[in-house]
């Protein structure tokens, strides 16, 4: 195989993904053992070598949330990539690095207000997952937004422990603490906020318990404190975006505490997304090099709006997402429709007849039976692909390779 070179797929009669379609995202669905991780490694090898041949300047990021895939990605890297110090391997359980979940990425003062607003939105979503009763969360959401904006009014890098300490004070004497916040937070004025503060001050202590229980973990659990409550993130996410760089995260599901596994994945994806947006604020669109982020078993953070945000917006930032997983029961119908509707290329390995039928109907209802039979009967390492047609052409039938 000749990695790193471009070919004319029509002239050479081969299946191809156009370079401009990489930032339009790729979706891979295939059962365990059918070769999807191997396929992603092949794509990444191609992208790595495309840097060496100057075909497509790019940087790649892979998040291994299982066990051994990260090591296989390292082993396949070219000697040239190591010689240029382009390969970065980060194992969350065996290396010393930490994230500040609330820290803002590099930004200009002009962009700060919008950046804070986006960050608060994502943090609120993470907090929402702590609550099983949405009605209780609706009461808390107003104060959480105020607290987060208050923290950001003082610094670019508040920590989750800062948030915990404020909540403790609110639980003990909500009225006094809220009055102090109201006086100090200069950007909040008007009778509406006063009414909101009055309502919040009457919340019972029990209303704070669900979030306090979760946030308290970061103050008391040594693993969480060391990994997610540091003052400054100790990884250079900006460097990951430089063409030629290959970054491999290992977040082993057998070694990472269960309660921290999804949080670690979400923290990394959030940091990458905000760094990408920060780059966009400083760089013209035609000068943003391609960045490709692969999320194998992406259903681990399927409930995060970060996935849909990246799918709908990332092309502008020249960020390509590779989403893969094993079966459709792992995601709901709405997310499946979003993924298929926002990915230019879809690749299907062997899956169950039920999943194959759903996919076939989504691809082409007229040939649903034939496609279902084809996808269901595929051996390992054989796939059916649907790629975006060339300009002026219509979608054709999916190609098996």
Protein backbone atom coordinates (compact mmCIF):
# COMPACT_ATOMS: atom_id res chain seq x y z
CA UNK A 1 0.00 0.00 0.00
CA UNK A 2 1.18 3.52 -0.81
CA UNK A 3 0.23 5.67 2.15
CA UNK A 4 0.18 9.44 1.94
CA UNK A 5 -0.54 9.89 -1.76
CA UNK A 6 -3.64 11.25 -3.48
CA UNK A 7 -5.28 9.42 -6.38
CA UNK A 8 -8.12 10.21 -8.77
CA UNK A 9 -10.73 7.72 -7.60
CA UNK A 10 -12.79 7.94 -10.81
CA UNK A 11 -9.82 7.42 -13.13
CA UNK A 12 -8.34 4.57 -11.10
CA UNK A 13 -11.73 2.98 -10.33
CA UNK A 14 -11.19 2.87 -6.57
CA UNK A 15 -13.21 3.94 -3.56
CA UNK A 16 -11.95 7.25 -2.23
CA UNK A 17 -12.69 9.97 0.26
CA UNK A 18 -11.96 13.44 -1.10
CA UNK A 19 -9.55 15.49 1.05
CA UNK A 20 -12.19 18.21 1.55
CA UNK A 21 -14.61 15.56 2.87
CA UNK A 22 -12.37 14.64 5.79
CA UNK A 23 -13.58 17.73 7.64
CA UNK A 24 -17.15 16.70 6.77
CA UNK A 25 -16.72 13.76 9.15
CA UNK A 26 -16.76 9.97 8.96
CA UNK A 27 -19.12 7.51 10.67
CA UNK A 28 -18.16 3.84 11.16
CA UNK A 29 -20.55 1.19 12.48
CA UNK A 30 -19.24 -2.36 12.88
CA UNK A 31 -19.49 -5.19 15.36
CA UNK A 32 -16.66 -6.02 17.74
CA UNK A 33 -13.79 -7.77 15.99
CA UNK A 34 -14.90 -6.83 12.48
CA UNK A 35 -11.98 -4.47 11.91
CA UNK A 36 -13.17 -0.92 12.57
CA UNK A 37 -10.20 0.01 14.80
CA UNK A 38 -7.83 -1.42 12.18
CA UNK A 39 -9.61 0.65 9.55
CA UNK A 40 -9.15 3.83 11.61
CA UNK A 41 -5.46 3.04 12.05
CA UNK A 42 -5.17 2.69 8.27
CA UNK A 43 -6.79 6.09 7.78
CA UNK A 44 -4.46 7.63 10.37
CA UNK A 45 -1.43 6.04 8.75
CA UNK A 46 -2.52 7.60 5.46
CA UNK A 47 -2.89 11.01 7.10
CA UNK A 48 0.47 10.72 8.85
CA UNK A 49 2.25 9.94 5.60
CA UNK A 50 0.30 12.70 3.81
CA UNK A 51 2.27 15.12 5.98
CA UNK A 52 5.55 13.62 4.80
CA UNK A 53 4.51 13.80 1.13
CA UNK A 54 2.99 17.30 1.58
CA UNK A 55 -0.31 15.98 0.18
CA UNK A 56 -2.53 17.06 3.08
CA UNK A 57 -1.00 19.00 5.99
CA UNK A 58 -2.82 17.70 9.05
CA UNK A 59 -2.64 16.73 12.70
CA UNK A 60 -4.37 13.71 14.21
CA UNK A 61 -5.74 12.93 17.67
CA UNK A 62 -6.92 9.51 18.81
CA UNK A 63 -8.65 8.78 22.11
CA UNK A 64 -8.38 5.12 23.10
CA UNK A 65 -11.02 4.34 25.70
CA UNK A 66 -10.40 0.60 25.79
CA UNK A 67 -6.95 -0.82 26.41
CA UNK A 68 -4.50 -1.69 23.65
CA UNK A 69 -5.43 0.39 20.60
CA UNK A 70 -3.33 3.36 21.73
CA UNK A 71 -0.17 1.24 21.73
CA UNK A 72 -0.95 -0.05 18.23
CA UNK A 73 -1.26 3.54 17.01
CA UNK A 74 2.16 4.34 18.47
CA UNK A 75 3.75 1.24 16.97
CA UNK A 76 2.63 2.10 13.44
CA UNK A 77 4.08 5.63 13.45
CA UNK A 78 6.87 6.34 10.98
CA UNK A 79 10.45 6.73 12.28
CA UNK A 80 10.43 10.24 10.75
CA UNK A 81 7.52 11.22 13.00
CA UNK A 82 9.51 10.20 16.09
CA UNK A 83 12.66 11.93 14.86
CA UNK A 84 10.71 15.18 14.52
CA UNK A 85 9.13 14.74 17.99
CA UNK A 86 5.69 14.71 16.39
CA UNK A 87 4.32 11.76 18.40
CA UNK A 88 2.79 12.43 21.83
CA UNK A 89 1.48 9.52 23.91
CA UNK A 90 -0.58 10.35 27.00
CA UNK A 91 -1.79 7.63 29.38
CA UNK A 92 -4.10 9.13 31.99
CA UNK A 93 -3.31 6.42 34.55
CA UNK A 94 0.44 6.09 34.07
CA UNK A 95 1.60 9.63 33.36
CA UNK A 96 1.49 12.83 35.38
CA UNK A 97 -0.82 15.33 33.72
CA UNK A 98 -4.05 17.04 34.72
CA UNK A 99 -6.94 19.10 33.41
CA UNK A 100 -8.68 22.12 34.79
CA UNK A 101 -12.21 21.41 33.61
CA UNK A 102 -13.18 25.08 33.87
CA UNK A 103 -10.05 26.74 32.48
CA UNK A 104 -10.56 28.92 29.42
CA UNK A 105 -8.27 28.33 26.41
CA UNK A 106 -6.09 31.07 24.99
CA UNK A 107 -8.27 33.90 23.69
CA UNK A 108 -8.49 37.61 22.99
CA UNK A 109 -10.46 39.93 25.23
CA UNK A 110 -12.87 40.56 22.37
CA UNK A 111 -13.77 36.86 22.25
CA UNK A 112 -13.85 36.25 25.99
CA UNK A 113 -17.53 36.94 26.59
CA UNK A 114 -18.64 34.50 23.89
CA UNK A 115 -16.10 31.90 25.04
CA UNK A 116 -17.29 32.08 28.65
CA UNK A 117 -20.89 31.72 27.52
CA UNK A 118 -20.04 28.58 25.54
CA UNK A 119 -18.03 27.12 28.40
CA UNK A 120 -20.83 27.73 30.89
CA UNK A 121 -23.28 26.01 28.56
CA UNK A 122 -21.19 22.84 28.38
CA UNK A 123 -20.55 22.79 32.12
CA UNK A 124 -24.27 23.17 32.81
CA UNK A 125 -24.90 20.18 30.58
CA UNK A 126 -22.40 18.09 32.53
CA UNK A 127 -24.10 19.11 35.77
CA UNK A 128 -27.52 18.27 34.33
CA UNK A 129 -26.43 14.63 34.12
CA UNK A 130 -26.08 14.57 37.92
CA UNK A 131 -29.83 15.05 38.33
CA UNK A 132 -32.41 12.32 37.78
CA UNK A 133 -35.30 14.72 38.42
CA UNK A 134 -35.28 17.51 35.85
CA UNK A 135 -37.64 19.68 37.89
CA UNK A 136 -35.06 19.89 40.65
CA UNK A 137 -32.37 20.76 38.14
CA UNK A 138 -34.45 23.58 36.64
CA UNK A 139 -34.43 25.24 40.06
CA UNK A 140 -30.68 24.81 40.41
CA UNK A 141 -29.74 25.76 36.84
CA UNK A 142 -30.27 29.50 37.36
CA UNK A 143 -27.95 29.68 40.32
CA UNK A 144 -25.36 27.43 38.66
CA UNK A 145 -25.16 29.77 35.68
CA UNK A 146 -24.79 32.75 37.99
CA UNK A 147 -22.07 31.00 40.02
CA UNK A 148 -20.09 30.06 36.93
CA UNK A 149 -20.31 33.54 35.40
CA UNK A 150 -19.31 34.90 38.80
CA UNK A 151 -16.23 32.67 38.90
CA UNK A 152 -15.24 33.71 35.39
CA UNK A 153 -15.67 37.38 36.24
CA UNK A 154 -12.65 37.01 38.54
CA UNK A 155 -10.33 34.67 36.62
CA UNK A 156 -9.80 32.67 33.43
CA UNK A 157 -9.00 29.51 35.35
CA UNK A 158 -11.43 28.87 38.19
CA UNK A 159 -11.39 25.28 39.42
CA UNK A 160 -14.18 22.89 40.23
CA UNK A 161 -13.06 23.11 43.87
CA UNK A 162 -13.80 26.85 43.77
CA UNK A 163 -17.31 25.94 42.64
CA UNK A 164 -17.59 23.38 45.44
CA UNK A 165 -16.59 25.88 48.11
CA UNK A 166 -19.21 28.40 46.94
CA UNK A 167 -21.92 25.73 47.00
CA UNK A 168 -20.93 24.79 50.55
CA UNK A 169 -21.32 28.42 51.61
CA UNK A 170 -24.67 28.65 49.84
CA UNK A 171 -25.93 25.56 51.60
CA UNK A 172 -24.92 26.95 54.98
CA UNK A 173 -26.18 30.50 54.52
CA UNK A 174 -27.58 31.04 51.04
CA UNK A 175 -28.92 34.54 51.59
CA UNK A 176 -25.64 36.01 52.83
CA UNK A 177 -23.55 34.34 50.14
CA UNK A 178 -25.87 35.38 47.31
CA UNK A 179 -25.90 38.96 48.51
CA UNK A 180 -22.12 38.94 48.47
CA UNK A 181 -22.11 37.56 44.93
CA UNK A 182 -24.69 40.11 43.82
CA UNK A 183 -22.54 42.99 45.11
CA UNK A 184 -19.32 41.67 43.62
CA UNK A 185 -20.60 40.54 40.25
CA UNK A 186 -20.71 43.90 38.51
CA UNK A 187 -22.23 42.65 35.24
CA UNK A 188 -25.51 41.57 36.86
CA UNK A 189 -28.02 44.31 37.58
CA UNK A 190 -31.75 44.85 37.46
CA UNK A 191 -34.89 43.63 39.26
CA UNK A 192 -34.98 40.32 37.34
CA UNK A 193 -31.73 39.17 38.90
CA UNK A 194 -32.86 40.33 42.33
CA UNK A 195 -36.02 38.22 41.96
CA UNK A 196 -33.92 35.28 40.86
CA UNK A 197 -31.62 35.65 43.86
CA UNK A 198 -34.61 35.86 46.19
CA UNK A 199 -36.03 32.63 44.76
CA UNK A 200 -32.67 30.89 45.01
CA UNK A 201 -32.16 31.95 48.60
CA UNK A 202 -35.32 30.08 49.55
CA UNK A 203 -34.12 26.77 48.15
CA UNK A 204 -33.92 24.02 50.75
CA UNK A 205 -30.59 22.49 51.71
CA UNK A 206 -31.76 19.21 50.16
CA UNK A 207 -31.96 20.87 46.73
CA UNK A 208 -28.18 21.19 46.71
CA UNK A 209 -27.47 17.58 47.69
CA UNK A 210 -27.26 15.94 44.19
CA UNK A 211 -24.78 18.42 42.80
CA UNK A 212 -22.89 18.74 46.07
CA UNK A 213 -22.40 14.98 46.20
CA UNK A 214 -20.84 15.02 42.74
CA UNK A 215 -18.77 18.16 43.03
CA UNK A 216 -17.56 17.10 46.47
CA UNK A 217 -15.82 14.14 44.86
CA UNK A 218 -13.33 16.50 43.23
CA UNK A 219 -12.40 17.95 46.61
CA UNK A 220 -12.11 14.64 48.46
CA UNK A 221 -11.18 11.95 45.90
CA UNK A 222 -7.40 12.09 45.32
CA UNK A 223 -7.64 10.63 41.80
CA UNK A 224 -10.19 13.20 40.64
CA UNK A 225 -8.44 16.05 42.40
CA UNK A 226 -5.10 15.25 40.76
CA UNK A 227 -6.56 14.77 37.28
CA UNK A 228 -9.39 17.30 37.03
CA UNK A 229 -9.02 19.94 39.75
CA UNK A 230 -5.57 21.37 39.04
CA UNK A 231 -5.19 25.12 38.63
CA UNK A 232 -3.77 24.89 35.11
CA UNK A 233 -4.04 22.21 32.44
CA UNK A 234 -0.59 20.69 32.03
CA UNK A 235 -1.03 19.52 28.40
CA UNK A 236 -0.35 21.83 25.47
CA UNK A 237 -3.52 21.43 23.41
CA UNK A 238 -2.42 24.21 21.04
CA UNK A 239 0.58 22.11 19.99
CA UNK A 240 -1.72 19.21 19.03
CA UNK A 241 -3.11 21.30 16.16
CA UNK A 242 0.26 21.86 14.47
CA UNK A 243 0.50 19.89 11.18
CA UNK A 244 2.49 16.68 11.50
CA UNK A 245 1.66 16.14 15.16
CA UNK A 246 0.08 12.87 16.31
CA UNK A 247 -1.50 12.80 19.77
CA UNK A 248 -2.67 9.54 21.32
CA UNK A 249 -4.64 9.45 24.56
CA UNK A 250 -5.07 6.21 26.48
CA UNK A 251 -7.98 6.11 28.95
CA UNK A 252 -8.16 2.42 29.76
CA UNK A 253 -11.62 1.28 30.86
CA UNK A 254 -10.03 -1.45 33.01
CA UNK A 255 -7.67 0.93 34.84
CA UNK A 256 -9.62 4.19 35.01
CA UNK A 257 -12.19 4.37 37.85
CA UNK A 258 -15.66 3.88 36.38
CA UNK A 259 -16.94 7.19 37.75
CA UNK A 260 -14.08 9.07 36.06
CA UNK A 261 -13.96 7.31 32.68
CA UNK A 262 -16.67 9.28 30.85
CA UNK A 263 -15.57 12.49 32.56
CA UNK A 264 -12.01 12.07 31.28
CA UNK A 265 -13.19 11.53 27.70
CA UNK A 266 -15.51 14.53 27.86
CA UNK A 267 -12.79 16.72 29.40
CA UNK A 268 -10.37 15.94 26.56
CA UNK A 269 -12.97 16.46 23.83
CA UNK A 270 -14.05 19.77 25.39
CA UNK A 271 -10.46 20.98 25.59
CA UNK A 272 -9.84 20.06 21.95
CA UNK A 273 -13.06 21.76 20.82
CA UNK A 274 -12.36 24.97 22.68
CA UNK A 275 -8.76 25.02 21.44
CA UNK A 276 -10.03 24.60 17.88
CA UNK A 277 -12.41 27.52 18.37
CA UNK A 278 -9.63 29.59 19.92
CA UNK A 279 -7.45 28.94 16.86
CA UNK A 280 -10.30 30.04 14.60
CA UNK A 281 -10.52 33.39 16.39
CA UNK A 282 -6.87 34.07 15.49
CA UNK A 283 -6.53 32.41 12.07
CA UNK A 284 -8.26 32.98 8.75
CA UNK A 285 -10.38 30.07 7.56
CA UNK A 286 -8.19 29.22 4.55
CA UNK A 287 -5.11 29.03 6.81
CA UNK A 288 -6.51 26.53 9.35
CA UNK A 289 -4.80 23.19 8.84
CA UNK A 290 -6.83 20.00 9.02
CA UNK A 291 -7.25 18.37 12.44
CA UNK A 292 -8.77 14.87 12.68
CA UNK A 293 -10.18 13.54 15.95
CA UNK A 294 -11.17 9.87 16.22
CA UNK A 295 -13.62 8.76 18.91
CA UNK A 296 -13.91 4.99 18.92
CA UNK A 297 -16.89 3.85 21.02
CA UNK A 298 -18.16 7.44 20.98
CA UNK A 299 -21.41 6.38 22.69
CA UNK A 300 -19.56 6.82 25.99
CA UNK A 301 -20.26 10.56 25.68
CA UNK A 302 -23.32 10.36 23.41
CA UNK A 303 -25.40 12.48 25.78
CA UNK A 304 -23.07 15.43 25.47
CA UNK A 305 -24.12 18.21 23.09
CA UNK A 306 -20.44 18.55 22.23
CA UNK A 307 -20.84 15.76 19.64
CA UNK A 308 -23.72 17.45 17.82
CA UNK A 309 -21.97 20.83 18.11
CA UNK A 310 -18.82 19.48 16.44
CA UNK A 311 -20.79 17.66 13.74
CA UNK A 312 -22.70 20.81 12.81
CA UNK A 313 -19.94 23.41 13.17
CA UNK A 314 -16.52 21.78 12.86
CA UNK A 315 -16.16 21.98 9.09
CA UNK A 316 -15.76 25.76 9.42
CA UNK A 317 -12.87 25.13 11.81
CA UNK A 318 -11.36 22.38 9.58
CA UNK A 319 -11.86 19.74 12.27
CA UNK A 320 -12.83 16.29 11.02
CA UNK A 321 -14.53 13.85 13.38
CA UNK A 322 -14.36 10.06 13.08
CA UNK A 323 -17.15 8.49 15.11
CA UNK A 324 -17.32 4.71 15.50
CA UNK A 325 -19.20 2.21 17.61
CA UNK A 326 -20.53 -1.37 17.58
CA UNK A 327 -24.34 -1.36 17.37
CA UNK A 328 -27.31 0.98 17.08
CA UNK A 329 -28.71 0.15 20.52
CA UNK A 330 -25.88 2.28 21.93
CA UNK A 331 -27.36 5.54 20.57
CA UNK A 332 -30.92 6.81 20.15
CA UNK A 333 -32.68 7.40 16.83
CA UNK A 334 -32.31 11.17 17.03
CA UNK A 335 -28.53 11.00 17.42
CA UNK A 336 -28.27 8.40 14.64
CA UNK A 337 -30.13 10.72 12.27
CA UNK A 338 -27.87 13.61 13.30
CA UNK A 339 -24.74 11.54 12.70
CA UNK A 340 -25.82 10.20 9.32
CA UNK A 341 -27.10 13.60 8.23
CA UNK A 342 -23.85 15.36 9.17
CA UNK A 343 -21.20 12.89 7.99
CA UNK A 344 -20.08 12.94 4.37
CA UNK A 345 -18.77 9.37 4.56
CA UNK A 346 -20.29 6.36 6.27
CA UNK A 347 -18.71 2.92 6.51
CA UNK A 348 -20.54 -0.17 7.74
CA UNK A 349 -18.93 -3.42 8.77
CA UNK A 350 -20.73 -6.57 9.82
CA UNK A 351 -23.67 -5.84 12.14
CA UNK A 352 -26.86 -7.62 13.19
CA UNK A 353 -29.75 -8.00 10.75
CA UNK A 354 -31.82 -5.49 12.74
CA UNK A 355 -29.09 -2.85 12.59
CA UNK A 356 -28.32 -3.62 8.95
CA UNK A 357 -31.99 -3.17 8.03
CA UNK A 358 -32.17 0.23 9.76
CA UNK A 359 -29.00 1.38 8.03
CA UNK A 360 -30.10 0.06 4.64
CA UNK A 361 -33.41 1.94 4.85
CA UNK A 362 -31.54 5.13 5.76
CA UNK A 363 -29.11 4.73 2.83
CA UNK A 364 -31.52 3.71 0.07
CA UNK A 365 -35.03 2.36 0.79
CA UNK A 366 -35.29 0.99 -2.78
CA UNK A 367 -32.43 -1.42 -2.20
CA UNK A 368 -32.96 -2.01 1.52
CA UNK A 369 -33.23 -5.81 1.27
CA UNK A 370 -30.09 -6.19 -0.88
CA UNK A 371 -28.09 -3.85 1.35
CA UNK A 372 -29.33 -5.57 4.51
CA UNK A 373 -28.22 -8.97 3.19
CA UNK A 374 -24.87 -7.56 2.10
CA UNK A 375 -24.02 -5.81 5.37
CA UNK A 376 -25.21 -8.69 7.57
CA UNK A 377 -23.21 -11.33 5.68
CA UNK A 378 -19.93 -9.40 5.45
CA UNK A 379 -16.88 -11.19 6.87
CA UNK A 380 -14.46 -9.35 9.15
CA UNK A 381 -12.43 -6.59 7.47
CA UNK A 382 -14.97 -6.19 4.66
CA UNK A 383 -17.05 -3.00 4.68
CA UNK A 384 -19.80 -1.22 2.79
CA UNK A 385 -19.11 2.46 2.22
CA UNK A 386 -21.24 5.43 1.22
CA UNK A 387 -19.21 8.48 0.27
CA UNK A 388 -20.15 11.94 -0.91
CA UNK A 389 -20.34 12.07 -4.73
CA UNK A 390 -18.21 14.39 -6.82
CA UNK A 391 -19.62 17.81 -7.62
CA UNK A 392 -22.58 17.60 -9.99
CA UNK A 393 -23.13 13.87 -9.45
CA UNK A 394 -25.78 12.01 -7.46
CA UNK A 395 -25.24 9.51 -4.67
CA UNK A 396 -24.66 6.05 -6.09
CA UNK A 397 -25.15 2.70 -4.44
CA UNK A 398 -22.77 1.99 -1.54
CA UNK A 399 -19.54 0.25 -2.51
CA UNK A 400 -18.18 -2.84 -0.77
CA UNK A 401 -14.45 -3.06 -0.13
